[in-house]
Each structure stands twice: as structure tokens, then as C-alpha cells.
Amino acid sequence: MRFFELVNLRHFILYLFPAAITFLMFAVGLYFAYFRSRDSETRLTRIIHRFPLGIEERNAPFPLVLTLIIMGTVIWAVGYILMIGLLEMRF
């Protein structure tokens, strides 16, 4: 039990705003950034397949943000495995 209830509100705000900002940055990154090539614009507009109910499939470029997140995850995982294995850290 806490003596001051306002501390709980402060902790909630400190958890909420970084999460919201991260989510917004991720959404903006997905919307605007992707690897551009000569045929990027045609890939965004050309419809490859039409499904029932008006769903259309396009061969759009892969977002740069997702590429960076995947690369960062792989680098972190390999580094974590090496640090635990080579330095014999105990947690």
C-alpha cells in the first residue's frame, strides 16, 4: 500500500505516454517509409488479385520501419546469446 495515491497516477502516466508515443511513431513510420525503387509507385497502385467483398491485393514495398525492427531484434538476440554464453552471466 502506498502512502500517497498520486504516485500511482504518476507511474501510470510515465508508462502510458512513452507507449503512446512509440505506437504513433511506429504508425507514422509504417505509413510513410518504405524502400523505394524504380517500380515502387506502380507496385503501390497495380492490383494483383481481387478477392470477394472488394478486397484487393497489391505487391507493395516492405516498410523500412519493419525492416529496422526485425534487424534490431535479430542483432539483440544474437548479442544476448553471445553475452550470456561467452561471459557466463548469471541472472
N, C-alpha and C. Protein backbone atom coordinates (compact mmCIF):
# COMPACT_ATOMS: atom_id res chain seq x y z
N MET A 1 0.84 -1.18 0.00
CA MET A 1 0.00 0.00 0.00
C MET A 1 0.89 1.25 0.00
N ARG A 2 0.51 2.20 -0.78
CA ARG A 2 1.29 3.43 -0.88
C ARG A 2 0.69 4.49 0.05
N PHE A 3 1.54 5.33 0.56
CA PHE A 3 1.08 6.41 1.41
C PHE A 3 0.44 7.53 0.59
N PHE A 4 0.92 7.69 -0.65
CA PHE A 4 0.41 8.76 -1.49
C PHE A 4 -0.17 8.15 -2.76
N GLU A 5 -1.47 8.30 -2.95
CA GLU A 5 -2.13 7.73 -4.13
C GLU A 5 -1.69 8.41 -5.42
N LEU A 6 -1.22 9.64 -5.34
CA LEU A 6 -0.81 10.36 -6.54
C LEU A 6 0.39 9.71 -7.21
N VAL A 7 1.19 8.97 -6.48
CA VAL A 7 2.34 8.29 -7.05
C VAL A 7 1.87 7.26 -8.08
N ASN A 8 0.77 6.57 -7.81
CA ASN A 8 0.23 5.61 -8.77
C ASN A 8 -0.15 6.30 -10.08
N LEU A 9 -0.74 7.48 -10.00
CA LEU A 9 -1.11 8.23 -11.20
C LEU A 9 0.14 8.64 -11.97
N ARG A 10 1.17 9.07 -11.27
CA ARG A 10 2.41 9.46 -11.93
C ARG A 10 3.04 8.26 -12.66
N HIS A 11 3.05 7.12 -12.02
CA HIS A 11 3.61 5.93 -12.67
C HIS A 11 2.79 5.54 -13.88
N PHE A 12 1.47 5.64 -13.79
CA PHE A 12 0.61 5.33 -14.93
C PHE A 12 0.90 6.26 -16.10
N ILE A 13 1.05 7.53 -15.82
CA ILE A 13 1.35 8.50 -16.88
C ILE A 13 2.73 8.25 -17.47
N LEU A 14 3.70 7.90 -16.62
CA LEU A 14 5.04 7.61 -17.12
C LEU A 14 5.07 6.36 -17.99
N TYR A 15 4.16 5.42 -17.77
CA TYR A 15 4.08 4.23 -18.61
C TYR A 15 3.26 4.49 -19.87
N LEU A 16 2.22 5.30 -19.75
CA LEU A 16 1.28 5.50 -20.86
C LEU A 16 1.88 6.34 -21.98
N PHE A 17 2.47 7.47 -21.65
CA PHE A 17 2.92 8.38 -22.70
C PHE A 17 4.07 7.83 -23.55
N PRO A 18 5.10 7.21 -22.99
CA PRO A 18 6.11 6.62 -23.88
C PRO A 18 5.53 5.52 -24.77
N ALA A 19 4.60 4.75 -24.24
CA ALA A 19 3.97 3.71 -25.07
C ALA A 19 3.16 4.34 -26.19
N ALA A 20 2.40 5.38 -25.90
CA ALA A 20 1.60 6.04 -26.93
C ALA A 20 2.49 6.70 -27.98
N ILE A 21 3.56 7.34 -27.55
CA ILE A 21 4.48 7.98 -28.50
C ILE A 21 5.16 6.94 -29.38
N THR A 22 5.56 5.81 -28.78
CA THR A 22 6.16 4.74 -29.57
C THR A 22 5.18 4.19 -30.59
N PHE A 23 3.95 3.99 -30.19
CA PHE A 23 2.93 3.49 -31.12
C PHE A 23 2.70 4.48 -32.25
N LEU A 24 2.61 5.76 -31.96
CA LEU A 24 2.40 6.76 -33.01
C LEU A 24 3.59 6.84 -33.96
N MET A 25 4.81 6.77 -33.42
CA MET A 25 6.00 6.80 -34.28
C MET A 25 6.03 5.57 -35.19
N PHE A 26 5.65 4.42 -34.66
CA PHE A 26 5.61 3.20 -35.45
C PHE A 26 4.57 3.31 -36.56
N ALA A 27 3.39 3.85 -36.24
CA ALA A 27 2.33 4.01 -37.24
C ALA A 27 2.75 4.99 -38.33
N VAL A 28 3.35 6.09 -37.96
CA VAL A 28 3.82 7.06 -38.95
C VAL A 28 4.92 6.45 -39.81
N GLY A 29 5.81 5.70 -39.18
CA GLY A 29 6.87 5.03 -39.94
C GLY A 29 6.33 4.02 -40.93
N LEU A 30 5.29 3.28 -40.54
CA LEU A 30 4.68 2.33 -41.47
C LEU A 30 3.98 3.04 -42.62
N TYR A 31 3.41 4.19 -42.33
CA TYR A 31 2.65 4.90 -43.36
C TYR A 31 3.56 5.56 -44.39
N PHE A 32 4.67 6.14 -43.96
CA PHE A 32 5.46 6.95 -44.87
C PHE A 32 6.72 6.29 -45.43
N ALA A 33 7.35 5.41 -44.70
CA ALA A 33 8.68 4.96 -45.09
C ALA A 33 8.66 3.55 -45.65
N TYR A 34 9.26 3.36 -46.81
CA TYR A 34 9.50 2.05 -47.38
C TYR A 34 10.66 2.17 -48.35
N PHE A 35 11.23 1.03 -48.69
CA PHE A 35 12.34 1.05 -49.65
C PHE A 35 11.80 1.45 -51.02
N ARG A 36 12.35 2.50 -51.57
CA ARG A 36 11.89 2.98 -52.86
C ARG A 36 12.79 2.43 -53.97
N SER A 37 12.12 2.00 -55.02
CA SER A 37 12.85 1.54 -56.21
C SER A 37 12.17 2.17 -57.42
N ARG A 38 12.62 1.77 -58.60
CA ARG A 38 12.05 2.36 -59.81
C ARG A 38 10.58 2.03 -59.98
N ASP A 39 10.17 0.84 -59.55
CA ASP A 39 8.78 0.44 -59.77
C ASP A 39 7.93 0.53 -58.51
N SER A 40 8.35 1.30 -57.50
CA SER A 40 7.61 1.39 -56.25
C SER A 40 6.21 1.97 -56.45
N GLU A 41 6.11 3.02 -57.24
CA GLU A 41 4.80 3.65 -57.45
C GLU A 41 3.84 2.73 -58.19
N THR A 42 4.34 1.99 -59.16
CA THR A 42 3.45 1.07 -59.88
C THR A 42 3.06 -0.10 -58.99
N ARG A 43 3.96 -0.55 -58.12
CA ARG A 43 3.64 -1.64 -57.21
C ARG A 43 2.57 -1.22 -56.20
N LEU A 44 2.57 0.06 -55.82
CA LEU A 44 1.55 0.55 -54.88
C LEU A 44 0.17 0.62 -55.53
N THR A 45 0.11 0.88 -56.82
CA THR A 45 -1.19 1.09 -57.47
C THR A 45 -1.69 -0.12 -58.24
N ARG A 46 -0.80 -0.97 -58.74
CA ARG A 46 -1.22 -2.12 -59.55
C ARG A 46 -1.88 -3.19 -58.68
N ILE A 47 -3.06 -3.60 -59.07
CA ILE A 47 -3.81 -4.62 -58.33
C ILE A 47 -3.45 -5.98 -58.90
N ILE A 48 -3.01 -6.89 -58.04
CA ILE A 48 -2.59 -8.23 -58.48
C ILE A 48 -3.76 -9.20 -58.49
N HIS A 49 -4.59 -9.13 -57.44
CA HIS A 49 -5.69 -10.07 -57.32
C HIS A 49 -6.85 -9.39 -56.60
N ARG A 50 -8.07 -9.70 -57.03
CA ARG A 50 -9.27 -9.18 -56.37
C ARG A 50 -9.99 -10.32 -55.67
N PHE A 51 -10.24 -10.12 -54.39
CA PHE A 51 -10.98 -11.10 -53.60
C PHE A 51 -12.44 -10.67 -53.51
N PRO A 52 -13.31 -11.57 -53.08
CA PRO A 52 -14.71 -11.17 -52.88
C PRO A 52 -14.82 -10.05 -51.85
N LEU A 53 -15.91 -9.34 -51.89
CA LEU A 53 -16.21 -8.23 -50.98
C LEU A 53 -15.29 -7.03 -51.18
N GLY A 54 -14.67 -6.92 -52.34
CA GLY A 54 -13.89 -5.73 -52.69
C GLY A 54 -12.49 -5.66 -52.11
N ILE A 55 -11.97 -6.75 -51.59
CA ILE A 55 -10.60 -6.75 -51.07
C ILE A 55 -9.64 -6.93 -52.24
N GLU A 56 -8.63 -6.04 -52.31
CA GLU A 56 -7.67 -6.07 -53.40
C GLU A 56 -6.27 -6.34 -52.86
N GLU A 57 -5.50 -7.13 -53.60
CA GLU A 57 -4.14 -7.45 -53.20
C GLU A 57 -3.16 -6.69 -54.08
N ARG A 58 -2.18 -6.08 -53.44
CA ARG A 58 -1.12 -5.38 -54.16
C ARG A 58 0.22 -5.92 -53.69
N ASN A 59 1.23 -5.79 -54.53
CA ASN A 59 2.58 -6.20 -54.18
C ASN A 59 3.37 -4.97 -53.75
N ALA A 60 2.98 -4.38 -52.62
CA ALA A 60 3.58 -3.13 -52.15
C ALA A 60 4.97 -3.38 -51.56
N PRO A 61 5.82 -2.35 -51.56
CA PRO A 61 7.16 -2.50 -50.98
C PRO A 61 7.09 -2.74 -49.46
N PHE A 62 8.11 -3.38 -48.92
CA PHE A 62 8.17 -3.69 -47.50
C PHE A 62 8.55 -2.44 -46.72
N PRO A 63 7.85 -2.11 -45.63
CA PRO A 63 8.14 -0.89 -44.88
C PRO A 63 9.53 -0.91 -44.24
N LEU A 64 10.19 0.22 -44.29
CA LEU A 64 11.52 0.37 -43.73
C LEU A 64 11.51 0.19 -42.21
N VAL A 65 10.45 0.66 -41.55
CA VAL A 65 10.36 0.54 -40.09
C VAL A 65 10.36 -0.92 -39.67
N LEU A 66 9.61 -1.75 -40.36
CA LEU A 66 9.58 -3.17 -40.01
C LEU A 66 10.94 -3.83 -40.26
N THR A 67 11.61 -3.42 -41.31
CA THR A 67 12.94 -3.95 -41.59
C THR A 67 13.90 -3.61 -40.45
N LEU A 68 13.87 -2.37 -39.98
CA LEU A 68 14.74 -1.96 -38.89
C LEU A 68 14.40 -2.67 -37.59
N ILE A 69 13.11 -2.87 -37.32
CA ILE A 69 12.70 -3.58 -36.10
C ILE A 69 13.14 -5.03 -36.15
N ILE A 70 12.97 -5.68 -37.28
CA ILE A 70 13.39 -7.08 -37.42
C ILE A 70 14.90 -7.21 -37.28
N MET A 71 15.65 -6.31 -37.94
CA MET A 71 17.11 -6.35 -37.83
C MET A 71 17.56 -6.09 -36.39
N GLY A 72 16.94 -5.13 -35.72
CA GLY A 72 17.29 -4.84 -34.33
C GLY A 72 17.00 -6.01 -33.41
N THR A 73 15.89 -6.70 -33.65
CA THR A 73 15.55 -7.87 -32.84
C THR A 73 16.56 -8.98 -33.03
N VAL A 74 16.94 -9.23 -34.27
CA VAL A 74 17.92 -10.29 -34.54
C VAL A 74 19.28 -9.93 -33.94
N ILE A 75 19.71 -8.69 -34.09
CA ILE A 75 21.00 -8.27 -33.53
C ILE A 75 20.98 -8.37 -32.00
N TRP A 76 19.87 -7.93 -31.38
CA TRP A 76 19.77 -8.02 -29.93
C TRP A 76 19.78 -9.48 -29.47
N ALA A 77 19.07 -10.35 -30.17
CA ALA A 77 19.01 -11.77 -29.77
C ALA A 77 20.38 -12.42 -29.88
N VAL A 78 21.09 -12.17 -30.97
CA VAL A 78 22.43 -12.75 -31.13
C VAL A 78 23.37 -12.20 -30.07
N GLY A 79 23.32 -10.90 -29.83
CA GLY A 79 24.16 -10.31 -28.79
C GLY A 79 23.84 -10.84 -27.42
N TYR A 80 22.57 -11.03 -27.13
CA TYR A 80 22.16 -11.57 -25.83
C TYR A 80 22.68 -12.99 -25.65
N ILE A 81 22.54 -13.81 -26.68
CA ILE A 81 23.02 -15.19 -26.61
C ILE A 81 24.54 -15.21 -26.41
N LEU A 82 25.26 -14.37 -27.14
CA LEU A 82 26.71 -14.32 -27.00
C LEU A 82 27.13 -13.83 -25.62
N MET A 83 26.47 -12.79 -25.11
CA MET A 83 26.83 -12.27 -23.79
C MET A 83 26.56 -13.28 -22.69
N ILE A 84 25.45 -13.97 -22.77
CA ILE A 84 25.15 -14.97 -21.76
C ILE A 84 26.11 -16.15 -21.88
N GLY A 85 26.38 -16.61 -23.10
CA GLY A 85 27.22 -17.79 -23.31
C GLY A 85 28.69 -17.52 -23.08
N LEU A 86 29.20 -16.42 -23.61
CA LEU A 86 30.64 -16.17 -23.53
C LEU A 86 31.07 -15.59 -22.19
N LEU A 87 30.30 -14.72 -21.64
CA LEU A 87 30.68 -14.08 -20.38
C LEU A 87 30.14 -14.80 -19.17
N GLU A 88 29.36 -15.82 -19.39
CA GLU A 88 28.78 -16.64 -18.31
C GLU A 88 28.08 -15.77 -17.27
N MET A 89 27.22 -14.90 -17.74
CA MET A 89 26.46 -14.04 -16.82
C MET A 89 25.37 -14.86 -16.15
N ARG A 90 25.09 -14.52 -14.94
CA ARG A 90 24.03 -15.20 -14.21
C ARG A 90 23.00 -14.15 -13.79
N PHE A 91 21.74 -14.44 -14.15
CA PHE A 91 20.64 -13.52 -13.79
C PHE A 91 19.72 -14.16 -12.81
